[in-house]
PDB file of N, CA and C in Angstrom:
ATOM      1  N   MET A   1      43.096  89.885 -10.222  1.00  0.00           N
ATOM      2  CA  MET A   1      44.593  90.919 -10.200  1.00  0.00           C
ATOM      3  C   MET A   1      44.687  91.113 -12.175  1.00  0.00           C
ATOM      4  N   LYS A   2      45.396  92.359 -12.203  1.00  0.00           N
ATOM      5  CA  LYS A   2      45.812  92.222 -13.331  1.00  0.00           C
ATOM      6  C   LYS A   2      46.953  92.787 -13.631  1.00  0.00           C
ATOM      7  N   ILE A   3      47.258  92.373 -15.130  1.00  0.00           N
ATOM      8  CA  ILE A   3      49.046  92.341 -15.217  1.00  0.00           C
ATOM      9  C   ILE A   3      49.138  93.370 -16.219  1.00  0.00           C
ATOM     10  N   ILE A   4      49.804  94.467 -16.139  1.00  0.00           N
ATOM     11  CA  ILE A   4      50.240  95.546 -17.674  1.00  0.00           C
ATOM     12  C   ILE A   4      51.499  95.191 -17.755  1.00  0.00           C
ATOM     13  N   ARG A   5      51.904  94.576 -19.601  1.00  0.00           N
ATOM     14  CA  ARG A   5      53.183  94.406 -19.523  1.00  0.00           C
ATOM     15  C   ARG A   5      53.296  95.742 -20.208  1.00  0.00           C
ATOM     16  N   GLU A   6      52.242  95.862 -21.223  1.00  0.00           N
ATOM     17  CA  GLU A   6      52.843  96.867 -22.167  1.00  0.00           C
ATOM     18  C   GLU A   6      51.845  98.064 -22.174  1.00  0.00           C
ATOM     19  N   ALA A   7      52.078  98.849 -22.402  1.00  0.00           N
ATOM     20  CA  ALA A   7      51.650 100.658 -22.670  1.00  0.00           C
ATOM     21  C   ALA A   7      52.313 101.189 -23.699  1.00  0.00           C
ATOM     22  N   GLY A   8      50.937 101.425 -24.589  1.00  0.00           N
ATOM     23  CA  GLY A   8      52.021 102.052 -25.435  1.00  0.00           C
ATOM     24  C   GLY A   8      52.547 101.337 -25.944  1.00  0.00           C
ATOM     25  N   ASN A   9      54.148 101.062 -26.596  1.00  0.00           N
ATOM     26  CA  ASN A   9      55.512 100.585 -27.423  1.00  0.00           C
ATOM     27  C   ASN A   9      55.827 100.903 -25.618  1.00  0.00           C
ATOM     28  N   LEU A  10      55.768 100.870 -24.808  1.00  0.00           N
ATOM     29  CA  LEU A  10      56.530 100.313 -23.789  1.00  0.00           C
ATOM     30  C   LEU A  10      56.436  99.111 -22.940  1.00  0.00           C
ATOM     31  N   LYS A  11      57.410  98.336 -22.635  1.00  0.00           N
ATOM     32  CA  LYS A  11      56.982  96.914 -22.457  1.00  0.00           C
ATOM     33  C   LYS A  11      58.113  96.643 -21.234  1.00  0.00           C
ATOM     34  N   ALA A  12      57.049  95.748 -20.144  1.00  0.00           N
ATOM     35  CA  ALA A  12      58.785  94.828 -19.840  1.00  0.00           C
ATOM     36  C   ALA A  12      59.408  93.814 -20.414  1.00  0.00           C
ATOM     37  N   ASN A  13      60.946  94.394 -19.925  1.00  0.00           N
ATOM     38  CA  ASN A  13      61.900  93.411 -20.598  1.00  0.00           C
ATOM     39  C   ASN A  13      62.367  92.614 -19.420  1.00  0.00           C
ATOM     40  N   GLY A  14      61.824  91.676 -18.873  1.00  0.00           N
ATOM     41  CA  GLY A  14      62.351  91.473 -17.672  1.00  0.00           C
ATOM     42  C   GLY A  14      60.629  90.048 -17.008  1.00  0.00           C
ATOM     43  N   HIS A  15      61.701  89.816 -16.120  1.00  0.00           N
ATOM     44  CA  HIS A  15      60.637  89.260 -14.996  1.00  0.00           C
ATOM     45  C   HIS A  15      59.871  89.939 -13.828  1.00  0.00           C
ATOM     46  N   TYR A  16      59.063  90.767 -14.681  1.00  0.00           N
ATOM     47  CA  TYR A  16      57.911  91.791 -14.404  1.00  0.00           C
ATOM     48  C   TYR A  16      57.417  92.421 -14.488  1.00  0.00           C
ATOM     49  N   ALA A  17      55.930  92.957 -13.555  1.00  0.00           N
ATOM     50  CA  ALA A  17      54.653  94.028 -15.180  1.00  0.00           C
ATOM     51  C   ALA A  17      55.169  95.647 -15.337  1.00  0.00           C
ATOM     52  N   LEU A  18      54.822  95.949 -16.028  1.00  0.00           N
ATOM     53  CA  LEU A  18      54.717  97.660 -16.410  1.00  0.00           C
ATOM     54  C   LEU A  18      54.150  97.761 -14.699  1.00  0.00           C
ATOM     55  N   ALA A  19      53.218  97.704 -14.228  1.00  0.00           N
ATOM     56  CA  ALA A  19      52.358  97.600 -13.120  1.00  0.00           C
ATOM     57  C   ALA A  19      51.275  96.202 -13.035  1.00  0.00           C
ATOM     58  N   THR A  20      50.689  96.256 -11.901  1.00  0.00           N
ATOM     59  CA  THR A  20      50.024  95.320 -11.714  1.00  0.00           C
ATOM     60  C   THR A  20      48.674  96.234 -10.597  1.00  0.00           C
ATOM     61  N   VAL A  21      47.204  96.067 -11.113  1.00  0.00           N
ATOM     62  CA  VAL A  21      45.958  96.215 -10.582  1.00  0.00           C
ATOM     63  C   VAL A  21      45.846  95.441 -10.061  1.00  0.00           C
ATOM     64  N   HIS A  22      45.637  95.425  -8.507  1.00  0.00           N
ATOM     65  CA  HIS A  22      44.698  94.701  -7.023  1.00  0.00           C
ATOM     66  C   HIS A  22      43.471  95.598  -6.996  1.00  0.00           C
ATOM     67  N   GLN A  23      42.470  94.827  -7.114  1.00  0.00           N
ATOM     68  CA  GLN A  23      41.172  95.602  -5.746  1.00  0.00           C
ATOM     69  C   GLN A  23      41.029  97.430  -6.034  1.00  0.00           C
ATOM     70  N   GLY A  24      41.379  97.817  -7.437  1.00  0.00           N
ATOM     71  CA  GLY A  24      40.974  99.479  -7.743  1.00  0.00           C
ATOM     72  C   GLY A  24      41.858 100.337  -7.609  1.00  0.00           C
ATOM     73  N   THR A  25      43.521  99.179  -7.342  1.00  0.00           N
ATOM     74  CA  THR A  25      44.700 100.105  -6.862  1.00  0.00           C
ATOM     75  C   THR A  25      45.719 100.090  -8.262  1.00  0.00           C
ATOM     76  N   VAL A  26      46.732 100.644  -8.535  1.00  0.00           N
ATOM     77  CA  VAL A  26      47.444 100.907  -9.486  1.00  0.00           C
ATOM     78  C   VAL A  26      49.352 100.361  -8.766  1.00  0.00           C
ATOM     79  N   TYR A  27      49.459  99.227  -9.278  1.00  0.00           N
ATOM     80  CA  TYR A  27      51.475  99.632  -8.201  1.00  0.00           C
ATOM     81  C   TYR A  27      52.280  99.672  -9.497  1.00  0.00           C
ATOM     82  N   VAL A  28      53.152 100.311 -10.090  1.00  0.00           N
ATOM     83  CA  VAL A  28      53.770 100.683 -11.201  1.00  0.00           C
ATOM     84  C   VAL A  28      54.720 100.037 -10.747  1.00  0.00           C
ATOM     85  N   SER A  29      55.313  99.399 -10.805  1.00  0.00           N
ATOM     86  CA  SER A  29      57.383  99.276 -11.220  1.00  0.00           C
ATOM     87  C   SER A  29      58.034 101.290 -11.619  1.00  0.00           C
ATOM     88  N   GLY A  30      59.412 100.180 -11.322  1.00  0.00           N
ATOM     89  CA  GLY A  30      60.285 101.346 -11.604  1.00  0.00           C
ATOM     90  C   GLY A  30      60.539 101.783 -13.033  1.00  0.00           C
ATOM     91  N   GLN A  31      60.603 102.739 -13.054  1.00  0.00           N
ATOM     92  CA  GLN A  31      60.490 103.425 -14.319  1.00  0.00           C
ATOM     93  C   GLN A  31      61.721 104.402 -14.650  1.00  0.00           C
ATOM     94  N   PHE A  32      62.352 104.091 -15.920  1.00  0.00           N
ATOM     95  CA  PHE A  32      64.140 105.408 -16.546  1.00  0.00           C
ATOM     96  C   PHE A  32      62.885 106.377 -17.657  1.00  0.00           C
ATOM     97  N   SER A  33      64.406 106.580 -18.502  1.00  0.00           N
ATOM     98  CA  SER A  33      63.874 107.600 -18.941  1.00  0.00           C
ATOM     99  C   SER A  33      63.909 106.593 -20.407  1.00  0.00           C
ATOM    100  N   PHE A  34      63.037 105.865 -20.662  1.00  0.00           N
ATOM    101  CA  PHE A  34      62.824 105.387 -22.435  1.00  0.00           C
ATOM    102  C   PHE A  34      61.962 106.167 -23.460  1.00  0.00           C
ATOM    103  N   ASN A  35      62.589 105.962 -24.305  1.00  0.00           N
ATOM    104  CA  ASN A  35      61.315 106.804 -25.650  1.00  0.00           C
ATOM    105  C   ASN A  35      60.809 105.874 -25.360  1.00  0.00           C
ATOM    106  N   PRO A  36      59.332 105.958 -25.814  1.00  0.00           N
ATOM    107  CA  PRO A  36      57.741 105.367 -25.625  1.00  0.00           C
ATOM    108  C   PRO A  36      57.551 105.388 -27.037  1.00  0.00           C
ATOM    109  N   GLN A  37      58.494 105.737 -27.992  1.00  0.00           N
ATOM    110  CA  GLN A  37      58.170 105.207 -29.626  1.00  0.00           C
ATOM    111  C   GLN A  37      59.050 104.329 -29.739  1.00  0.00           C
ATOM    112  N   THR A  38      60.394 104.544 -29.397  1.00  0.00           N
ATOM    113  CA  THR A  38      60.981 103.569 -29.639  1.00  0.00           C
ATOM    114  C   THR A  38      62.080 102.750 -28.840  1.00  0.00           C
ATOM    115  N   GLY A  39      61.610 103.066 -27.210  1.00  0.00           N
ATOM    116  CA  GLY A  39      62.211 101.489 -26.577  1.00  0.00           C
ATOM    117  C   GLY A  39      63.181 101.555 -26.471  1.00  0.00           C
ATOM    118  N   GLU A  40      64.050 102.892 -26.553  1.00  0.00           N
ATOM    119  CA  GLU A  40      65.332 102.927 -26.557  1.00  0.00           C
ATOM    120  C   GLU A  40      65.985 103.712 -25.168  1.00  0.00           C
ATOM    121  N   LYS A  41      66.601 103.593 -24.672  1.00  0.00           N
ATOM    122  CA  LYS A  41      67.502 103.752 -23.253  1.00  0.00           C
ATOM    123  C   LYS A  41      67.156 105.726 -24.051  1.00  0.00           C
ATOM    124  N   GLN A  42      67.169 106.460 -23.084  1.00  0.00           N
ATOM    125  CA  GLN A  42      66.740 108.581 -23.397  1.00  0.00           C
ATOM    126  C   GLN A  42      67.279 109.131 -22.395  1.00  0.00           C
ATOM    127  N   PHE A  43      68.846 109.269 -22.384  1.00  0.00           N
ATOM    128  CA  PHE A  43      69.896 109.551 -21.410  1.00  0.00           C
ATOM    129  C   PHE A  43      69.563 111.725 -22.169  1.00  0.00           C
ATOM    130  N   GLY A  44      69.854 111.729 -20.962  1.00  0.00           N
ATOM    131  CA  GLY A  44      69.796 113.098 -20.514  1.00  0.00           C
ATOM    132  C   GLY A  44      70.005 114.201 -19.892  1.00  0.00           C
ATOM    133  N   THR A  45      69.847 114.851 -19.524  1.00  0.00           N
ATOM    134  CA  THR A  45      70.131 116.173 -18.703  1.00  0.00           C
ATOM    135  C   THR A  45      69.563 115.068 -17.332  1.00  0.00           C
ATOM    136  N   ILE A  46      69.463 115.526 -16.229  1.00  0.00           N
ATOM    137  CA  ILE A  46      68.153 114.962 -14.437  1.00  0.00           C
ATOM    138  C   ILE A  46      66.590 115.833 -15.467  1.00  0.00           C
ATOM    139  N   GLU A  47      66.781 116.936 -15.533  1.00  0.00           N
ATOM    140  CA  GLU A  47      65.884 117.419 -15.679  1.00  0.00           C
ATOM    141  C   GLU A  47      64.817 116.414 -17.296  1.00  0.00           C
ATOM    142  N   GLU A  48      65.571 115.962 -17.622  1.00  0.00           N
ATOM    143  CA  GLU A  48      64.968 115.274 -19.142  1.00  0.00           C
ATOM    144  C   GLU A  48      64.578 114.220 -18.873  1.00  0.00           C
ATOM    145  N   GLU A  49      65.393 113.683 -18.321  1.00  0.00           N
ATOM    146  CA  GLU A  49      65.244 112.043 -17.784  1.00  0.00           C
ATOM    147  C   GLU A  49      64.309 112.400 -16.941  1.00  0.00           C
ATOM    148  N   ALA A  50      64.081 112.846 -15.410  1.00  0.00           N
ATOM    149  CA  ALA A  50      62.785 113.347 -15.248  1.00  0.00           C
ATOM    150  C   ALA A  50      61.221 113.398 -15.242  1.00  0.00           C
ATOM    151  N   HIS A  51      61.338 114.093 -16.751  1.00  0.00           N
ATOM    152  CA  HIS A  51      59.980 114.212 -17.541  1.00  0.00           C
ATOM    153  C   HIS A  51      59.905 112.734 -18.391  1.00  0.00           C
ATOM    154  N   GLN A  52      60.598 112.668 -18.862  1.00  0.00           N
ATOM    155  CA  GLN A  52      60.191 110.761 -19.565  1.00  0.00           C
ATOM    156  C   GLN A  52      59.741 110.208 -18.511  1.00  0.00           C
ATOM    157  N   ALA A  53      61.000 109.531 -17.202  1.00  0.00           N
ATOM    158  CA  ALA A  53      60.539 108.805 -16.791  1.00  0.00           C
ATOM    159  C   ALA A  53      58.935 109.203 -16.064  1.00  0.00           C
ATOM    160  N   LEU A  54      58.758 110.023 -15.231  1.00  0.00           N
ATOM    161  CA  LEU A  54      57.315 110.595 -15.188  1.00  0.00           C
ATOM    162  C   LEU A  54      56.366 110.178 -16.242  1.00  0.00           C
ATOM    163  N   THR A  55      56.557 110.877 -17.362  1.00  0.00           N
ATOM    164  CA  THR A  55      55.163 110.886 -18.580  1.00  0.00           C
ATOM    165  C   THR A  55      55.840 109.052 -18.824  1.00  0.00           C
ATOM    166  N   ASN A  56      56.224 108.055 -18.665  1.00  0.00           N
ATOM    167  CA  ASN A  56      56.203 107.253 -19.268  1.00  0.00           C
ATOM    168  C   ASN A  56      55.181 105.729 -17.881  1.00  0.00           C
ATOM    169  N   LEU A  57      55.654 106.620 -16.373  1.00  0.00           N
ATOM    170  CA  LEU A  57      54.491 106.353 -15.393  1.00  0.00           C
ATOM    171  C   LEU A  57      53.546 106.636 -15.642  1.00  0.00           C
ATOM    172  N   GLN A  58      53.160 108.092 -16.137  1.00  0.00           N
ATOM    173  CA  GLN A  58      52.034 108.310 -16.824  1.00  0.00           C
ATOM    174  C   GLN A  58      51.456 107.332 -17.122  1.00  0.00           C
ATOM    175  N   THR A  59      52.207 106.949 -18.383  1.00  0.00           N
ATOM    176  CA  THR A  59      51.502 106.621 -19.689  1.00  0.00           C
ATOM    177  C   THR A  59      51.361 105.016 -19.072  1.00  0.00           C
ATOM    178  N   ILE A  60      51.255 103.784 -18.017  1.00  0.00           N
ATOM    179  CA  ILE A  60      51.282 103.508 -17.930  1.00  0.00           C
ATOM    180  C   ILE A  60      49.853 103.102 -16.474  1.00  0.00           C
ATOM    181  N   VAL A  61      50.214 104.116 -15.754  1.00  0.00           N
ATOM    182  CA  VAL A  61      48.778 104.614 -15.405  1.00  0.00           C
ATOM    183  C   VAL A  61      47.573 104.686 -15.898  1.00  0.00           C
ATOM    184  N   GLU A  62      48.007 105.067 -17.202  1.00  0.00           N
ATOM    185  CA  GLU A  62      46.245 105.604 -18.159  1.00  0.00           C
ATOM    186  C   GLU A  62      45.771 104.336 -18.462  1.00  0.00           C
ATOM    187  N   ALA A  63      46.564 103.342 -18.661  1.00  0.00           N
ATOM    188  CA  ALA A  63      46.532 102.426 -19.561  1.00  0.00           C
ATOM    189  C   ALA A  63      46.057 100.910 -18.603  1.00  0.00           C
ATOM    190  N   ALA A  64      46.126 101.207 -17.643  1.00  0.00           N
ATOM    191  CA  ALA A  64      45.380 101.013 -16.163  1.00  0.00           C
ATOM    192  C   ALA A  64      44.104 101.761 -16.171  1.00  0.00           C
ATOM    193  N   GLY A  65      43.683 102.238 -16.390  1.00  0.00           N
ATOM    194  CA  GLY A  65      42.441 103.143 -16.034  1.00  0.00           C
ATOM    195  C   GLY A  65      42.373 104.312 -15.356  1.00  0.00           C
ATOM    196  N   SER A  66      43.801 104.663 -14.497  1.00  0.00           N
ATOM    197  CA  SER A  66      43.651 105.715 -14.195  1.00  0.00           C
ATOM    198  C   SER A  66      44.455 106.851 -14.936  1.00  0.00           C
ATOM    199  N   THR A  67      44.254 108.032 -14.032  1.00  0.00           N
ATOM    200  CA  THR A  67      45.357 109.453 -14.484  1.00  0.00           C
ATOM    201  C   THR A  67      46.344 109.708 -13.289  1.00  0.00           C
ATOM    202  N   LYS A  68      47.010 110.235 -13.820  1.00  0.00           N
ATOM    203  CA  LYS A  68      47.995 110.540 -12.667  1.00  0.00           C
ATOM    204  C   LYS A  68      47.746 111.379 -12.082  1.00  0.00           C
ATOM    205  N   GLU A  69      46.200 112.096 -12.159  1.00  0.00           N
ATOM    206  CA  GLU A  69      45.945 113.200 -11.163  1.00  0.00           C
ATOM    207  C   GLU A  69      44.912 112.109  -9.903  1.00  0.00           C
ATOM    208  N   GLN A  70      45.609 111.224  -9.931  1.00  0.00           N
ATOM    209  CA  GLN A  70      45.408 109.322  -9.114  1.00  0.00           C
ATOM    210  C   GLN A  70      46.019 108.663  -8.920  1.00  0.00           C
ATOM    211  N   ILE A  71      46.957 109.878  -8.510  1.00  0.00           N
ATOM    212  CA  ILE A  71      48.140 108.664  -8.157  1.00  0.00           C
ATOM    213  C   ILE A  71      48.313 109.461  -6.597  1.00  0.00           C
ATOM    214  N   VAL A  72      48.399 108.724  -6.025  1.00  0.00           N
ATOM    215  CA  VAL A  72      48.634 109.313  -4.332  1.00  0.00           C
ATOM    216  C   VAL A  72      49.946 108.367  -3.707  1.00  0.00           C
ATOM    217  N   ARG A  73      50.678 108.202  -4.242  1.00  0.00           N
ATOM    218  CA  ARG A  73      52.567 107.597  -3.437  1.00  0.00           C
ATOM    219  C   ARG A  73      52.762 107.802  -5.132  1.00  0.00           C
ATOM    220  N   MET A  74      54.320 108.358  -4.308  1.00  0.00           N
ATOM    221  CA  MET A  74      55.750 108.734  -5.379  1.00  0.00           C
ATOM    222  C   MET A  74      56.619 108.135  -4.794  1.00  0.00           C
ATOM    223  N   THR A  75      57.667 107.176  -5.404  1.00  0.00           N
ATOM    224  CA  THR A  75      59.287 107.294  -4.822  1.00  0.00           C
ATOM    225  C   THR A  75      60.418 107.697  -6.461  1.00  0.00           C
ATOM    226  N   LEU A  76      60.724 108.473  -5.736  1.00  0.00           N
ATOM    227  CA  LEU A  76      62.064 108.868  -7.186  1.00  0.00           C
ATOM    228  C   LEU A  76      63.592 108.735  -5.631  1.00  0.00           C
ATOM    229  N   TYR A  77      64.110 108.224  -7.009  1.00  0.00           N
ATOM    230  CA  TYR A  77      64.825 107.526  -6.928  1.00  0.00           C
ATOM    231  C   TYR A  77      66.480 107.976  -7.805  1.00  0.00           C
ATOM    232  N   ILE A  78      67.154 108.828  -6.990  1.00  0.00           N
ATOM    233  CA  ILE A  78      68.454 109.420  -7.710  1.00  0.00           C
ATOM    234  C   ILE A  78      69.774 109.307  -7.458  1.00  0.00           C
ATOM    235  N   SER A  79      70.387 109.725  -8.410  1.00  0.00           N
ATOM    236  CA  SER A  79      71.767 109.098  -7.878  1.00  0.00           C
ATOM    237  C   SER A  79      72.882 110.067  -7.729  1.00  0.00           C
ATOM    238  N   ASP A  80      72.176 111.264  -7.116  1.00  0.00           N
ATOM    239  CA  ASP A  80      72.965 112.856  -6.514  1.00  0.00           C
ATOM    240  C   ASP A  80      71.736 113.424  -6.372  1.00  0.00           C
ATOM    241  N   VAL A  81      71.746 112.681  -5.028  1.00  0.00           N
ATOM    242  CA  VAL A  81      70.796 114.351  -4.300  1.00  0.00           C
ATOM    243  C   VAL A  81      71.803 115.720  -3.955  1.00  0.00           C
ATOM    244  N   GLU A  82      72.623 116.603  -4.882  1.00  0.00           N
ATOM    245  CA  GLU A  82      73.065 118.296  -5.741  1.00  0.00           C
ATOM    246  C   GLU A  82      71.811 118.334  -6.171  1.00  0.00           C
ATOM    247  N   LYS A  83      70.979 117.154  -7.135  1.00  0.00           N
ATOM    248  CA  LYS A  83      70.804 117.517  -8.216  1.00  0.00           C
ATOM    249  C   LYS A  83      69.272 117.106  -7.832  1.00  0.00           C
ATOM    250  N   TRP A  84      68.853 117.299  -6.983  1.00  0.00           N
ATOM    251  CA  TRP A  84      67.248 117.424  -6.660  1.00  0.00           C
ATOM    252  C   TRP A  84      66.583 118.187  -6.809  1.00  0.00           C
ATOM    253  N   SER A  85      67.125 119.347  -6.499  1.00  0.00           N
ATOM    254  CA  SER A  85      66.305 121.083  -6.070  1.00  0.00           C
ATOM    255  C   SER A  85      65.851 121.010  -7.964  1.00  0.00           C
ATOM    256  N   ARG A  86      66.330 120.521  -8.971  1.00  0.00           N
ATOM    257  CA  ARG A  86      66.321 119.838 -10.239  1.00  0.00           C
ATOM    258  C   ARG A  86      65.374 119.361 -10.750  1.00  0.00           C
ATOM    259  N   VAL A  87      65.732 118.213  -9.636  1.00  0.00           N
ATOM    260  CA  VAL A  87      64.193 117.351 -10.311  1.00  0.00           C
ATOM    261  C   VAL A  87      62.673 117.733  -9.496  1.00  0.00           C
ATOM    262  N   ASN A  88      63.408 117.988  -8.848  1.00  0.00           N
ATOM    263  CA  ASN A  88      61.710 119.065  -7.593  1.00  0.00           C
ATOM    264  C   ASN A  88      60.719 119.998  -8.976  1.00  0.00           C
ATOM    265  N   ALA A  89      61.478 120.401  -9.365  1.00  0.00           N
ATOM    266  CA  ALA A  89      60.700 121.371 -10.163  1.00  0.00           C
ATOM    267  C   ALA A  89      60.510 121.287 -11.172  1.00  0.00           C
ATOM    268  N   VAL A  90      60.391 120.273 -11.771  1.00  0.00           N
ATOM    269  CA  VAL A  90      59.884 119.339 -13.507  1.00  0.00           C
ATOM    270  C   VAL A  90      58.481 118.350 -12.615  1.00  0.00           C
ATOM    271  N   TYR A  91      59.067 117.689 -11.328  1.00  0.00           N
ATOM    272  CA  TYR A  91      57.932 117.064 -10.441  1.00  0.00           C
ATOM    273  C   TYR A  91      56.936 117.997  -9.891  1.00  0.00           C
ATOM    274  N   GLN A  92      57.271 119.236  -9.722  1.00  0.00           N
ATOM    275  CA  GLN A  92      56.316 120.665  -9.531  1.00  0.00           C
ATOM    276  C   GLN A  92      54.969 120.430 -10.993  1.00  0.00           C
ATOM    277  N   ASP A  93      56.237 120.896 -11.881  1.00  0.00           N
ATOM    278  CA  ASP A  93      55.647 121.678 -13.319  1.00  0.00           C
ATOM    279  C   ASP A  93      55.027 119.686 -13.494  1.00  0.00           C
ATOM    280  N   PHE A  94      54.992 119.367 -13.678  1.00  0.00           N
ATOM    281  CA  PHE A  94      54.657 117.604 -13.693  1.00  0.00           C
ATOM    282  C   PHE A  94      53.234 117.212 -13.540  1.00  0.00           C
ATOM    283  N   PHE A  95      53.211 117.730 -12.700  1.00  0.00           N
ATOM    284  CA  PHE A  95      51.644 117.172 -11.463  1.00  0.00           C
ATOM    285  C   PHE A  95      50.963 118.810 -10.929  1.00  0.00           C
ATOM    286  N   GLY A  96      51.676 119.877 -11.228  1.00  0.00           N
ATOM    287  CA  GLY A  96      50.742 120.583 -10.976  1.00  0.00           C
ATOM    288  C   GLY A  96      50.289 120.987  -9.620  1.00  0.00           C
ATOM    289  N   GLU A  97      49.143 121.905  -9.598  1.00  0.00           N
ATOM    290  CA  GLU A  97      48.328 121.380  -8.056  1.00  0.00           C
ATOM    291  C   GLU A  97      47.892 120.017  -7.439  1.00  0.00           C
ATOM    292  N   HIS A  98      48.073 119.114  -8.119  1.00  0.00           N
ATOM    293  CA  HIS A  98      48.012 117.674  -7.547  1.00  0.00           C
ATOM    294  C   HIS A  98      49.330 117.744  -6.628  1.00  0.00           C
ATOM    295  N   THR A  99      49.192 117.352  -5.106  1.00  0.00           N
ATOM    296  CA  THR A  99      50.496 117.070  -4.716  1.00  0.00           C
ATOM    297  C   THR A  99      50.030 115.580  -3.662  1.00  0.00           C
ATOM    298  N   PRO A 100      51.417 114.772  -5.077  1.00  0.00           N
ATOM    299  CA  PRO A 100      51.290 112.897  -4.370  1.00  0.00           C
ATOM    300  C   PRO A 100      51.592 113.173  -2.502  1.00  0.00           C
ATOM    301  N   ALA A 101      51.592 111.664  -1.957  1.00  0.00           N
ATOM    302  CA  ALA A 101      52.839 111.643  -1.561  1.00  0.00           C
ATOM    303  C   ALA A 101      54.193 111.362  -1.755  1.00  0.00           C
ATOM    304  N   ARG A 102      54.811 111.396  -1.273  1.00  0.00           N
ATOM    305  CA  ARG A 102      56.394 111.009  -2.562  1.00  0.00           C
ATOM    306  C   ARG A 102      57.526 111.062  -0.989  1.00  0.00           C
ATOM    307  N   THR A 103      58.626 110.130  -1.821  1.00  0.00           N
ATOM    308  CA  THR A 103      59.574 109.897  -0.743  1.00  0.00           C
ATOM    309  C   THR A 103      61.121 110.356  -1.994  1.00  0.00           C
ATOM    310  N   VAL A 104      61.500 111.294  -1.112  1.00  0.00           N
ATOM    311  CA  VAL A 104      62.792 110.647  -2.334  1.00  0.00           C
ATOM    312  C   VAL A 104      63.920 109.654  -1.922  1.00  0.00           C
ATOM    313  N   VAL A 105      64.659 109.018  -2.789  1.00  0.00           N
ATOM    314  CA  VAL A 105      65.695 107.973  -1.841  1.00  0.00           C
ATOM    315  C   VAL A 105      67.096 108.434  -2.077  1.00  0.00           C
ATOM    316  N   PRO A 106      67.988 109.313  -2.208  1.00  0.00           N
ATOM    317  CA  PRO A 106      68.728 109.220  -2.891  1.00  0.00           C
ATOM    318  C   PRO A 106      70.481 108.197  -3.311  1.00  0.00           C
ATOM    319  N   THR A 107      70.474 107.820  -3.998  1.00  0.00           N
ATOM    320  CA  THR A 107      70.716 106.465  -3.966  1.00  0.00           C
ATOM    321  C   THR A 107      72.847 106.929  -5.109  1.00  0.00           C
ATOM    322  N   ARG A 108      73.084 105.590  -5.628  1.00  0.00           N
ATOM    323  CA  ARG A 108      74.594 105.931  -6.393  1.00  0.00           C
ATOM    324  C   ARG A 108      73.716 106.048  -7.294  1.00  0.00           C
ATOM    325  N   ASP A 109      74.099 104.507  -7.742  1.00  0.00           N
ATOM    326  CA  ASP A 109      74.465 104.060  -9.721  1.00  0.00           C
ATOM    327  C   ASP A 109      72.797 103.737  -9.662  1.00  0.00           C
ATOM    328  N   LEU A 110      72.158 104.093 -10.041  1.00  0.00           N
ATOM    329  CA  LEU A 110      70.181 103.232 -10.325  1.00  0.00           C
ATOM    330  C   LEU A 110      71.069 102.686 -12.373  1.00  0.00           C
ATOM    331  N   HIS A 111      69.989 101.615 -12.515  1.00  0.00           N
ATOM    332  CA  HIS A 111      70.548 100.715 -13.973  1.00  0.00           C
ATOM    333  C   HIS A 111      70.580 101.372 -14.733  1.00  0.00           C
ATOM    334  N   PHE A 112      71.414 101.013 -15.385  1.00  0.00           N
ATOM    335  CA  PHE A 112      72.419 101.524 -17.037  1.00  0.00           C
ATOM    336  C   PHE A 112      72.674 102.867 -17.397  1.00  0.00           C
ATOM    337  N   GLY A 113      72.795 103.025 -16.109  1.00  0.00           N
ATOM    338  CA  GLY A 113      73.635 104.274 -15.854  1.00  0.00           C
ATOM    339  C   GLY A 113      72.224 105.881 -15.371  1.00  0.00           C
ATOM    340  N   PHE A 114      70.770 105.296 -15.631  1.00  0.00           N
ATOM    341  CA  PHE A 114      70.411 106.655 -15.334  1.00  0.00           C
ATOM    342  C   PHE A 114      70.316 107.720 -14.086  1.00  0.00           C
ATOM    343  N   GLN A 115      69.699 108.782 -14.155  1.00  0.00           N
ATOM    344  CA  GLN A 115      70.145 109.571 -13.101  1.00  0.00           C
ATOM    345  C   GLN A 115      68.451 109.544 -11.854  1.00  0.00           C
ATOM    346  N   ILE A 116      67.492 109.024 -13.177  1.00  0.00           N
ATOM    347  CA  ILE A 116      66.528 109.080 -12.374  1.00  0.00           C
ATOM    348  C   ILE A 116      65.995 107.550 -12.236  1.00  0.00           C
ATOM    349  N   GLU A 117      64.690 107.342 -11.223  1.00  0.00           N
ATOM    350  CA  GLU A 117      63.515 105.960 -11.296  1.00  0.00           C
ATOM    351  C   GLU A 117      63.089 106.552 -10.551  1.00  0.00           C
ATOM    352  N   VAL A 118      61.324 106.312 -11.332  1.00  0.00           N
ATOM    353  CA  VAL A 118      60.372 106.651 -10.418  1.00  0.00           C
ATOM    354  C   VAL A 118      59.551 104.911 -10.146  1.00  0.00           C
ATOM    355  N   ASP A 119      58.735 104.914  -9.126  1.00  0.00           N
ATOM    356  CA  ASP A 119      57.682 104.581  -9.510  1.00  0.00           C
ATOM    357  C   ASP A 119      56.582 104.606  -8.274  1.00  0.00           C
ATOM    358  N   GLY A 120      55.371 104.421  -8.673  1.00  0.00           N
ATOM    359  CA  GLY A 120      54.107 105.161  -8.194  1.00  0.00           C
ATOM    360  C   GLY A 120      53.052 104.137  -7.589  1.00  0.00           C
ATOM    361  N   ILE A 121      52.402 104.932  -7.471  1.00  0.00           N
ATOM    362  CA  ILE A 121      50.367 104.354  -7.396  1.00  0.00           C
ATOM    363  C   ILE A 121      49.705 104.756  -7.429  1.00  0.00           C
ATOM    364  N   ALA A 122      48.547 103.285  -7.484  1.00  0.00           N
ATOM    365  CA  ALA A 122      47.402 105.355  -8.685  1.00  0.00           C
ATOM    366  C   ALA A 122      46.083 104.448  -7.897  1.00  0.00           C
ATOM    367  N   TYR A 123      44.681 105.022  -7.747  1.00  0.00           N
ATOM    368  CA  TYR A 123      43.897 104.326  -6.993  1.00  0.00           C
ATOM    369  C   TYR A 123      43.126 104.856  -9.177  1.00  0.00           C
ATOM    370  N   ILE A 124      41.936 103.386  -8.964  1.00  0.00           N
ATOM    371  CA  ILE A 124      41.330 103.731 -10.526  1.00  0.00           C
ATOM    372  C   ILE A 124      39.820 104.361  -9.852  1.00  0.00           C
TER     373      ILE A 124
END
């Protein structure tokens, strides 16, 4: 098993790994919209936060030796289900023709006040 605690400037800032790799599978922890250059929280519109969270997940998947086209499963947690169509548009643009299995979980408050959190599973 391999533990990934850093990917570029993204770092695990608690008792967790950004990702765990086991037998060719990458399990990525929940990602928010953090600026990968500064490590600071990057709040914005739901579209901006969704794009940054997905981009951060991609950075971690690539650090593990995979690609976004090898992501097989995604979970998206959103603070307001009314914004789902806006998130879905960003998600579709991000993945293009690739369509991983997906679950969308409407929730109330997310950590730090973010509007979206994403996690995923990929293969190497």
